[in-house]
Amino acid sequence: MTAADIERVSEIRVRGWQFAYRGLMPQPYLDALDVAKDAERRRARFSPTARDGVVNLVAERDGEIVGWAAHGPYRDDDVRTGDAELYALYVDTAQLGSGVGRALLEKSVRQCFPHPRMFLWVLKENTRARRFYERAGFRADGMEEPFEAGGVDVPELRYVKEPLHG
């Protein structure tokens, strides 16, 4: 991913949230998501040299960005465990089921091989995403936390893949 990709990545992310989380999060919260604001926040944090350990990947099809994933060190407050985390994976809604998400996930997992485990968080009620990750060898590990969306707590489950080498 380059800085020039940020606007398209933000579009994919925001539209992905609005599609995937419809009925799982308050609709006013989803309706208020804004591509330009997301891109502004992303630009402020973007580092092409990944000094913070965050790796952003994009998938292209016919010269157009159709997916985005980000991974890096597992975030457990200020504690670094040596594990990896998939922070995000979103695909253009027109490309769902086309293999783009699987390719991005496989690339992220391969890049995290030095780590013993890879974690991710997924909305408890997002059965489509949960099945996707389970088919890729991830499993729920029993950890659950609320994600606050528009004043409503939406439960997230933590998934893990271990070992990454298998």
N, C-alpha and C. Protein backbone atom coordinates (compact mmCIF):
# COMPACT_ATOMS: atom_id res chain seq x y z
N MET A 1 0.85 -1.18 0.00
CA MET A 1 0.00 0.00 0.00
C MET A 1 0.89 1.24 0.00
N THR A 2 0.46 2.23 -0.73
CA THR A 2 1.15 3.51 -0.74
C THR A 2 0.19 4.60 -0.25
N ALA A 3 0.73 5.77 0.00
CA ALA A 3 -0.11 6.89 0.43
C ALA A 3 -1.18 7.22 -0.62
N ALA A 4 -0.87 6.99 -1.88
CA ALA A 4 -1.84 7.26 -2.95
C ALA A 4 -3.06 6.33 -2.88
N ASP A 5 -2.94 5.21 -2.17
CA ASP A 5 -4.02 4.23 -2.07
C ASP A 5 -5.01 4.53 -0.94
N ILE A 6 -4.69 5.50 -0.10
CA ILE A 6 -5.46 5.71 1.13
C ILE A 6 -6.93 6.01 0.87
N GLU A 7 -7.23 6.86 -0.08
CA GLU A 7 -8.64 7.21 -0.35
C GLU A 7 -9.44 5.97 -0.74
N ARG A 8 -8.91 5.16 -1.62
CA ARG A 8 -9.62 3.95 -2.05
C ARG A 8 -9.73 2.94 -0.91
N VAL A 9 -8.68 2.80 -0.11
CA VAL A 9 -8.74 1.91 1.05
C VAL A 9 -9.82 2.37 2.01
N SER A 10 -9.90 3.67 2.26
CA SER A 10 -10.94 4.20 3.15
C SER A 10 -12.33 3.94 2.58
N GLU A 11 -12.47 4.08 1.28
CA GLU A 11 -13.77 3.80 0.65
C GLU A 11 -14.15 2.32 0.86
N ILE A 12 -13.22 1.43 0.63
CA ILE A 12 -13.49 0.00 0.81
C ILE A 12 -13.82 -0.30 2.27
N ARG A 13 -13.08 0.30 3.19
CA ARG A 13 -13.30 0.06 4.62
C ARG A 13 -14.67 0.56 5.06
N VAL A 14 -15.01 1.80 4.73
CA VAL A 14 -16.29 2.38 5.15
C VAL A 14 -17.45 1.62 4.52
N ARG A 15 -17.40 1.37 3.22
CA ARG A 15 -18.49 0.64 2.56
C ARG A 15 -18.57 -0.80 3.10
N GLY A 16 -17.42 -1.36 3.43
CA GLY A 16 -17.40 -2.70 4.02
C GLY A 16 -18.09 -2.73 5.37
N TRP A 17 -17.82 -1.74 6.22
CA TRP A 17 -18.51 -1.65 7.51
C TRP A 17 -20.01 -1.51 7.28
N GLN A 18 -20.39 -0.61 6.39
CA GLN A 18 -21.82 -0.35 6.17
C GLN A 18 -22.54 -1.59 5.64
N PHE A 19 -21.84 -2.41 4.88
CA PHE A 19 -22.43 -3.64 4.34
C PHE A 19 -22.42 -4.76 5.38
N ALA A 20 -21.26 -5.05 5.93
CA ALA A 20 -21.10 -6.21 6.81
C ALA A 20 -21.79 -6.04 8.16
N TYR A 21 -21.88 -4.81 8.65
CA TYR A 21 -22.38 -4.61 10.00
C TYR A 21 -23.81 -4.09 10.05
N ARG A 22 -24.48 -4.05 8.89
CA ARG A 22 -25.89 -3.66 8.86
C ARG A 22 -26.68 -4.67 9.70
N GLY A 23 -27.44 -4.15 10.66
CA GLY A 23 -28.21 -5.00 11.55
C GLY A 23 -27.42 -5.48 12.76
N LEU A 24 -26.10 -5.28 12.74
CA LEU A 24 -25.26 -5.71 13.87
C LEU A 24 -24.82 -4.52 14.72
N MET A 25 -24.86 -3.33 14.12
CA MET A 25 -24.52 -2.08 14.81
C MET A 25 -25.64 -1.09 14.55
N PRO A 26 -25.78 -0.07 15.38
CA PRO A 26 -26.83 0.93 15.14
C PRO A 26 -26.68 1.56 13.75
N GLN A 27 -27.77 1.61 13.00
CA GLN A 27 -27.73 2.15 11.65
C GLN A 27 -27.27 3.61 11.61
N PRO A 28 -27.68 4.48 12.56
CA PRO A 28 -27.17 5.86 12.53
C PRO A 28 -25.64 5.92 12.63
N TYR A 29 -25.05 5.01 13.41
CA TYR A 29 -23.59 4.95 13.53
C TYR A 29 -22.98 4.61 12.17
N LEU A 30 -23.53 3.60 11.50
CA LEU A 30 -23.01 3.19 10.19
C LEU A 30 -23.22 4.29 9.15
N ASP A 31 -24.39 4.93 9.17
CA ASP A 31 -24.69 5.99 8.21
C ASP A 31 -23.75 7.18 8.37
N ALA A 32 -23.26 7.41 9.59
CA ALA A 32 -22.40 8.56 9.87
C ALA A 32 -20.94 8.31 9.45
N LEU A 33 -20.58 7.08 9.13
CA LEU A 33 -19.20 6.82 8.69
C LEU A 33 -18.93 7.60 7.42
N ASP A 34 -17.77 8.22 7.35
CA ASP A 34 -17.45 9.13 6.25
C ASP A 34 -16.09 8.77 5.65
N VAL A 35 -16.08 8.54 4.35
CA VAL A 35 -14.86 8.14 3.65
C VAL A 35 -13.77 9.19 3.79
N ALA A 36 -14.11 10.47 3.61
CA ALA A 36 -13.10 11.53 3.68
C ALA A 36 -12.49 11.62 5.07
N LYS A 37 -13.31 11.51 6.11
CA LYS A 37 -12.78 11.56 7.48
C LYS A 37 -11.91 10.34 7.78
N ASP A 38 -12.34 9.18 7.30
CA ASP A 38 -11.55 7.97 7.50
C ASP A 38 -10.20 8.12 6.81
N ALA A 39 -10.20 8.65 5.60
CA ALA A 39 -8.95 8.84 4.85
C ALA A 39 -8.03 9.83 5.56
N GLU A 40 -8.60 10.87 6.13
CA GLU A 40 -7.80 11.86 6.87
C GLU A 40 -7.12 11.20 8.08
N ARG A 41 -7.86 10.41 8.84
CA ARG A 41 -7.27 9.69 9.98
C ARG A 41 -6.20 8.69 9.51
N ARG A 42 -6.48 8.01 8.42
CA ARG A 42 -5.54 7.02 7.89
C ARG A 42 -4.25 7.69 7.42
N ARG A 43 -4.36 8.84 6.77
CA ARG A 43 -3.17 9.58 6.31
C ARG A 43 -2.28 9.98 7.49
N ALA A 44 -2.93 10.40 8.59
CA ALA A 44 -2.18 10.85 9.76
C ALA A 44 -1.39 9.70 10.40
N ARG A 45 -1.87 8.48 10.26
CA ARG A 45 -1.20 7.32 10.88
C ARG A 45 -0.37 6.51 9.90
N PHE A 46 -0.50 6.78 8.61
CA PHE A 46 0.14 5.92 7.61
C PHE A 46 1.66 6.08 7.63
N SER A 47 2.34 4.94 7.60
CA SER A 47 3.80 4.94 7.55
C SER A 47 4.24 3.93 6.50
N PRO A 48 4.75 4.39 5.36
CA PRO A 48 5.17 3.43 4.34
C PRO A 48 6.36 2.57 4.76
N THR A 49 7.09 3.00 5.79
CA THR A 49 8.25 2.23 6.24
C THR A 49 7.91 1.27 7.38
N ALA A 50 6.68 1.28 7.85
CA ALA A 50 6.19 0.36 8.89
C ALA A 50 7.07 0.35 10.14
N ARG A 51 7.53 1.53 10.55
CA ARG A 51 8.34 1.62 11.76
C ARG A 51 7.58 1.14 13.00
N ASP A 52 6.27 1.28 12.97
CA ASP A 52 5.46 0.83 14.09
C ASP A 52 5.08 -0.65 13.97
N GLY A 53 5.57 -1.30 12.93
CA GLY A 53 5.30 -2.71 12.73
C GLY A 53 4.02 -3.01 11.98
N VAL A 54 3.23 -1.99 11.66
CA VAL A 54 1.98 -2.19 10.94
C VAL A 54 2.28 -2.34 9.45
N VAL A 55 1.73 -3.40 8.87
CA VAL A 55 1.88 -3.65 7.43
C VAL A 55 0.50 -3.52 6.79
N ASN A 56 0.40 -2.67 5.78
CA ASN A 56 -0.83 -2.49 5.02
C ASN A 56 -0.65 -3.14 3.65
N LEU A 57 -1.59 -4.00 3.28
CA LEU A 57 -1.56 -4.68 1.99
C LEU A 57 -2.80 -4.29 1.19
N VAL A 58 -2.64 -4.16 -0.11
CA VAL A 58 -3.80 -3.97 -0.97
C VAL A 58 -3.82 -5.07 -2.02
N ALA A 59 -5.02 -5.40 -2.47
CA ALA A 59 -5.20 -6.35 -3.56
C ALA A 59 -5.73 -5.56 -4.74
N GLU A 60 -5.19 -5.85 -5.91
CA GLU A 60 -5.62 -5.18 -7.12
C GLU A 60 -6.19 -6.19 -8.11
N ARG A 61 -7.15 -5.74 -8.86
CA ARG A 61 -7.71 -6.53 -9.95
C ARG A 61 -7.93 -5.56 -11.11
N ASP A 62 -7.33 -5.86 -12.23
CA ASP A 62 -7.43 -5.00 -13.42
C ASP A 62 -7.04 -3.56 -13.11
N GLY A 63 -5.99 -3.40 -12.29
CA GLY A 63 -5.47 -2.07 -11.98
C GLY A 63 -6.24 -1.29 -10.94
N GLU A 64 -7.28 -1.88 -10.37
CA GLU A 64 -8.07 -1.19 -9.34
C GLU A 64 -7.91 -1.90 -8.01
N ILE A 65 -7.78 -1.13 -6.94
CA ILE A 65 -7.70 -1.71 -5.60
C ILE A 65 -9.07 -2.25 -5.23
N VAL A 66 -9.09 -3.54 -4.85
CA VAL A 66 -10.35 -4.21 -4.53
C VAL A 66 -10.36 -4.78 -3.10
N GLY A 67 -9.26 -4.63 -2.38
CA GLY A 67 -9.22 -5.13 -1.01
C GLY A 67 -8.05 -4.56 -0.24
N TRP A 68 -8.16 -4.64 1.07
CA TRP A 68 -7.13 -4.10 1.96
C TRP A 68 -7.06 -4.93 3.23
N ALA A 69 -5.86 -5.16 3.70
CA ALA A 69 -5.64 -5.83 4.98
C ALA A 69 -4.51 -5.11 5.70
N ALA A 70 -4.56 -5.17 7.03
CA ALA A 70 -3.49 -4.59 7.85
C ALA A 70 -3.20 -5.56 8.98
N HIS A 71 -1.92 -5.77 9.24
CA HIS A 71 -1.50 -6.64 10.34
C HIS A 71 -0.24 -6.09 10.97
N GLY A 72 0.09 -6.62 12.14
CA GLY A 72 1.29 -6.18 12.85
C GLY A 72 1.34 -6.83 14.21
N PRO A 73 2.06 -6.21 15.14
CA PRO A 73 2.19 -6.78 16.49
C PRO A 73 0.84 -6.83 17.19
N TYR A 74 0.64 -7.88 17.97
CA TYR A 74 -0.60 -8.01 18.73
C TYR A 74 -0.71 -6.87 19.72
N ARG A 75 -1.89 -6.23 19.76
CA ARG A 75 -2.12 -5.10 20.64
C ARG A 75 -2.85 -5.58 21.90
N ASP A 76 -2.15 -5.63 23.00
CA ASP A 76 -2.74 -5.97 24.29
C ASP A 76 -2.36 -4.85 25.24
N ASP A 77 -3.07 -3.73 25.11
CA ASP A 77 -2.72 -2.49 25.79
C ASP A 77 -1.28 -2.14 25.42
N ASP A 78 -0.41 -1.98 26.40
CA ASP A 78 0.98 -1.63 26.12
C ASP A 78 1.89 -2.85 26.12
N VAL A 79 1.34 -4.03 26.33
CA VAL A 79 2.13 -5.25 26.41
C VAL A 79 2.35 -5.82 25.01
N ARG A 80 3.61 -6.13 24.70
CA ARG A 80 3.94 -6.79 23.43
C ARG A 80 4.23 -8.24 23.74
N THR A 81 3.45 -9.14 23.14
CA THR A 81 3.54 -10.56 23.48
C THR A 81 4.41 -11.35 22.51
N GLY A 82 4.79 -10.78 21.41
CA GLY A 82 5.51 -11.52 20.39
C GLY A 82 4.58 -12.15 19.37
N ASP A 83 3.27 -12.00 19.60
CA ASP A 83 2.28 -12.53 18.66
C ASP A 83 1.93 -11.46 17.62
N ALA A 84 1.23 -11.89 16.59
CA ALA A 84 0.78 -10.99 15.52
C ALA A 84 -0.73 -10.81 15.63
N GLU A 85 -1.21 -9.77 14.96
CA GLU A 85 -2.65 -9.51 14.93
C GLU A 85 -3.04 -9.04 13.53
N LEU A 86 -4.14 -9.58 13.05
CA LEU A 86 -4.77 -9.05 11.84
C LEU A 86 -5.70 -7.94 12.32
N TYR A 87 -5.36 -6.70 11.98
CA TYR A 87 -6.14 -5.56 12.45
C TYR A 87 -7.40 -5.35 11.61
N ALA A 88 -7.28 -5.61 10.32
CA ALA A 88 -8.40 -5.33 9.43
C ALA A 88 -8.25 -6.12 8.14
N LEU A 89 -9.39 -6.48 7.57
CA LEU A 89 -9.43 -7.09 6.25
C LEU A 89 -10.78 -6.74 5.65
N TYR A 90 -10.76 -5.97 4.58
CA TYR A 90 -11.99 -5.56 3.91
C TYR A 90 -11.82 -5.71 2.41
N VAL A 91 -12.91 -6.11 1.77
CA VAL A 91 -12.94 -6.33 0.32
C VAL A 91 -14.08 -5.51 -0.26
N ASP A 92 -13.86 -4.93 -1.42
CA ASP A 92 -14.93 -4.23 -2.14
C ASP A 92 -16.13 -5.17 -2.19
N THR A 93 -17.30 -4.68 -1.81
CA THR A 93 -18.47 -5.54 -1.71
C THR A 93 -18.80 -6.22 -3.03
N ALA A 94 -18.44 -5.63 -4.16
CA ALA A 94 -18.69 -6.26 -5.46
C ALA A 94 -17.76 -7.44 -5.70
N GLN A 95 -16.70 -7.56 -4.89
CA GLN A 95 -15.71 -8.63 -5.05
C GLN A 95 -15.85 -9.74 -4.00
N LEU A 96 -16.86 -9.65 -3.12
CA LEU A 96 -17.03 -10.67 -2.09
C LEU A 96 -17.22 -12.04 -2.74
N GLY A 97 -16.52 -13.03 -2.21
CA GLY A 97 -16.62 -14.38 -2.74
C GLY A 97 -15.71 -14.65 -3.93
N SER A 98 -14.90 -13.66 -4.32
CA SER A 98 -14.05 -13.80 -5.51
C SER A 98 -12.65 -14.32 -5.20
N GLY A 99 -12.32 -14.50 -3.92
CA GLY A 99 -10.99 -14.96 -3.53
C GLY A 99 -10.06 -13.85 -3.08
N VAL A 100 -10.48 -12.60 -3.21
CA VAL A 100 -9.63 -11.47 -2.82
C VAL A 100 -9.34 -11.51 -1.32
N GLY A 101 -10.36 -11.71 -0.51
CA GLY A 101 -10.17 -11.75 0.94
C GLY A 101 -9.26 -12.91 1.35
N ARG A 102 -9.46 -14.06 0.74
CA ARG A 102 -8.64 -15.23 1.05
C ARG A 102 -7.18 -14.95 0.71
N ALA A 103 -6.93 -14.32 -0.45
CA ALA A 103 -5.56 -14.01 -0.86
C ALA A 103 -4.90 -13.03 0.11
N LEU A 104 -5.64 -12.01 0.54
CA LEU A 104 -5.09 -11.05 1.50
C LEU A 104 -4.81 -11.71 2.84
N LEU A 105 -5.71 -12.57 3.30
CA LEU A 105 -5.50 -13.24 4.57
C LEU A 105 -4.29 -14.17 4.49
N GLU A 106 -4.18 -14.94 3.42
CA GLU A 106 -3.03 -15.84 3.27
C GLU A 106 -1.72 -15.08 3.25
N LYS A 107 -1.69 -13.93 2.57
CA LYS A 107 -0.47 -13.12 2.52
C LYS A 107 -0.13 -12.58 3.91
N SER A 108 -1.13 -12.11 4.63
CA SER A 108 -0.89 -11.61 5.99
C SER A 108 -0.35 -12.71 6.89
N VAL A 109 -0.95 -13.88 6.83
CA VAL A 109 -0.49 -15.00 7.66
C VAL A 109 0.95 -15.36 7.30
N ARG A 110 1.25 -15.45 6.01
CA ARG A 110 2.63 -15.77 5.59
C ARG A 110 3.62 -14.74 6.11
N GLN A 111 3.27 -13.47 6.07
CA GLN A 111 4.18 -12.43 6.53
C GLN A 111 4.35 -12.45 8.05
N CYS A 112 3.45 -13.11 8.75
CA CYS A 112 3.53 -13.17 10.21
C CYS A 112 4.12 -14.49 10.71
N PHE A 113 4.67 -15.33 9.81
CA PHE A 113 5.26 -16.62 10.19
C PHE A 113 6.26 -16.54 11.33
N PRO A 114 7.07 -15.50 11.46
CA PRO A 114 8.01 -15.49 12.60
C PRO A 114 7.31 -15.49 13.96
N HIS A 115 6.06 -15.09 14.00
CA HIS A 115 5.29 -15.03 15.25
C HIS A 115 4.66 -16.39 15.52
N PRO A 116 4.53 -16.76 16.80
CA PRO A 116 3.94 -18.07 17.12
C PRO A 116 2.44 -18.14 16.84
N ARG A 117 1.75 -17.01 17.02
CA ARG A 117 0.29 -16.99 16.85
C ARG A 117 -0.14 -15.70 16.17
N MET A 118 -1.33 -15.76 15.58
CA MET A 118 -1.95 -14.56 15.00
C MET A 118 -3.36 -14.48 15.56
N PHE A 119 -3.69 -13.30 16.09
CA PHE A 119 -5.01 -13.05 16.63
C PHE A 119 -5.78 -12.10 15.71
N LEU A 120 -7.09 -12.08 15.87
CA LEU A 120 -7.96 -11.10 15.22
C LEU A 120 -9.23 -11.01 16.05
N TRP A 121 -9.94 -9.92 15.88
CA TRP A 121 -11.22 -9.72 16.56
C TRP A 121 -12.30 -9.62 15.51
N VAL A 122 -13.44 -10.26 15.78
CA VAL A 122 -14.56 -10.27 14.84
C VAL A 122 -15.85 -10.11 15.63
N LEU A 123 -16.80 -9.39 15.06
CA LEU A 123 -18.09 -9.23 15.74
C LEU A 123 -18.72 -10.59 15.95
N LYS A 124 -19.21 -10.82 17.15
CA LYS A 124 -19.80 -12.10 17.52
C LYS A 124 -20.92 -12.52 16.56
N GLU A 125 -21.72 -11.58 16.15
CA GLU A 125 -22.86 -11.88 15.29
C GLU A 125 -22.53 -11.88 13.79
N ASN A 126 -21.28 -11.63 13.44
CA ASN A 126 -20.89 -11.60 12.03
C ASN A 126 -20.53 -13.02 11.58
N THR A 127 -21.56 -13.81 11.35
CA THR A 127 -21.36 -15.23 11.04
C THR A 127 -20.61 -15.43 9.73
N ARG A 128 -20.82 -14.56 8.77
CA ARG A 128 -20.10 -14.69 7.48
C ARG A 128 -18.59 -14.58 7.71
N ALA A 129 -18.16 -13.56 8.45
CA ALA A 129 -16.73 -13.38 8.71
C ALA A 129 -16.19 -14.51 9.58
N ARG A 130 -16.97 -14.95 10.56
CA ARG A 130 -16.50 -16.02 11.43
C ARG A 130 -16.27 -17.30 10.63
N ARG A 131 -17.18 -17.63 9.72
CA ARG A 131 -16.99 -18.82 8.87
C ARG A 131 -15.75 -18.67 7.99
N PHE A 132 -15.55 -17.47 7.45
CA PHE A 132 -14.39 -17.19 6.61
C PHE A 132 -13.09 -17.48 7.37
N TYR A 133 -12.97 -16.95 8.58
CA TYR A 133 -11.76 -17.15 9.38
C TYR A 133 -11.62 -18.60 9.83
N GLU A 134 -12.71 -19.24 10.17
CA GLU A 134 -12.65 -20.64 10.58
C GLU A 134 -12.17 -21.53 9.43
N ARG A 135 -12.61 -21.26 8.22
CA ARG A 135 -12.13 -22.03 7.06
C ARG A 135 -10.63 -21.84 6.85
N ALA A 136 -10.10 -20.71 7.30
CA ALA A 136 -8.67 -20.41 7.14
C ALA A 136 -7.85 -20.93 8.33
N GLY A 137 -8.47 -21.66 9.25
CA GLY A 137 -7.73 -22.26 10.35
C GLY A 137 -7.74 -21.47 11.64
N PHE A 138 -8.48 -20.38 11.71
CA PHE A 138 -8.62 -19.62 12.95
C PHE A 138 -9.73 -20.24 13.79
N ARG A 139 -9.64 -20.06 15.11
CA ARG A 139 -10.69 -20.56 16.00
C ARG A 139 -10.90 -19.54 17.12
N ALA A 140 -12.14 -19.46 17.58
CA ALA A 140 -12.45 -18.60 18.73
C ALA A 140 -11.74 -19.16 19.94
N ASP A 141 -11.10 -18.29 20.73
CA ASP A 141 -10.34 -18.78 21.89
C ASP A 141 -11.02 -18.48 23.23
N GLY A 142 -12.26 -18.01 23.19
CA GLY A 142 -13.00 -17.77 24.42
C GLY A 142 -12.97 -16.34 24.93
N MET A 143 -12.10 -15.50 24.38
CA MET A 143 -12.04 -14.10 24.81
C MET A 143 -13.15 -13.32 24.10
N GLU A 144 -13.84 -12.48 24.87
CA GLU A 144 -14.90 -11.64 24.32
C GLU A 144 -14.79 -10.26 24.94
N GLU A 145 -14.95 -9.24 24.11
CA GLU A 145 -14.93 -7.85 24.58
C GLU A 145 -15.99 -7.07 23.85
N PRO A 146 -16.54 -6.04 24.49
CA PRO A 146 -17.49 -5.19 23.79
C PRO A 146 -16.78 -4.15 22.94
N PHE A 147 -17.35 -3.84 21.80
CA PHE A 147 -16.91 -2.74 20.96
C PHE A 147 -18.04 -1.72 21.01
N GLU A 148 -17.73 -0.49 21.37
CA GLU A 148 -18.76 0.54 21.49
C GLU A 148 -19.01 1.17 20.13
N ALA A 149 -20.25 1.09 19.67
CA ALA A 149 -20.64 1.67 18.37
C ALA A 149 -21.91 2.48 18.56
N GLY A 150 -21.79 3.79 18.48
CA GLY A 150 -22.96 4.63 18.60
C GLY A 150 -23.68 4.50 19.93
N GLY A 151 -22.91 4.31 21.01
CA GLY A 151 -23.49 4.20 22.34
C GLY A 151 -23.98 2.81 22.68
N VAL A 152 -23.76 1.85 21.81
CA VAL A 152 -24.21 0.47 22.05
C VAL A 152 -22.98 -0.44 22.09
N ASP A 153 -22.93 -1.32 23.08
CA ASP A 153 -21.85 -2.31 23.13
C ASP A 153 -22.18 -3.47 22.21
N VAL A 154 -21.27 -3.73 21.27
CA VAL A 154 -21.41 -4.82 20.32
C VAL A 154 -20.31 -5.82 20.65
N PRO A 155 -20.66 -7.06 21.00
CA PRO A 155 -19.62 -8.01 21.41
C PRO A 155 -18.73 -8.47 20.24
N GLU A 156 -17.44 -8.52 20.55
CA GLU A 156 -16.45 -9.06 19.62
C GLU A 156 -15.83 -10.30 20.24
N LEU A 157 -15.48 -11.26 19.38
CA LEU A 157 -14.79 -12.46 19.80
C LEU A 157 -13.37 -12.42 19.27
N ARG A 158 -12.45 -12.96 20.07
CA ARG A 158 -11.07 -13.06 19.60
C ARG A 158 -10.87 -14.44 18.98
N TYR A 159 -10.22 -14.43 17.84
CA TYR A 159 -9.86 -15.66 17.13
C TYR A 159 -8.34 -15.77 17.11
N VAL A 160 -7.85 -17.00 17.04
CA VAL A 160 -6.42 -17.24 17.00
C VAL A 160 -6.12 -18.32 15.98
N LYS A 161 -4.96 -18.20 15.38
CA LYS A 161 -4.40 -19.25 14.51
C LYS A 161 -3.04 -19.57 15.07
N GLU A 162 -2.85 -20.84 15.43
CA GLU A 162 -1.57 -21.28 15.96
C GLU A 162 -1.36 -22.75 15.63
N PRO A 163 -0.21 -23.17 15.35
CA PRO A 163 0.93 -22.31 14.99
C PRO A 163 0.71 -21.76 13.59
N LEU A 164 1.38 -20.66 13.30
CA LEU A 164 1.24 -20.05 11.97
C LEU A 164 1.91 -20.88 10.89
N HIS A 165 2.79 -21.77 11.27
CA HIS A 165 3.55 -22.53 10.29
C HIS A 165 2.77 -23.70 9.71
N GLY A 166 1.61 -24.00 10.26
CA GLY A 166 0.88 -25.18 9.81
C GLY A 166 -0.39 -24.89 9.10
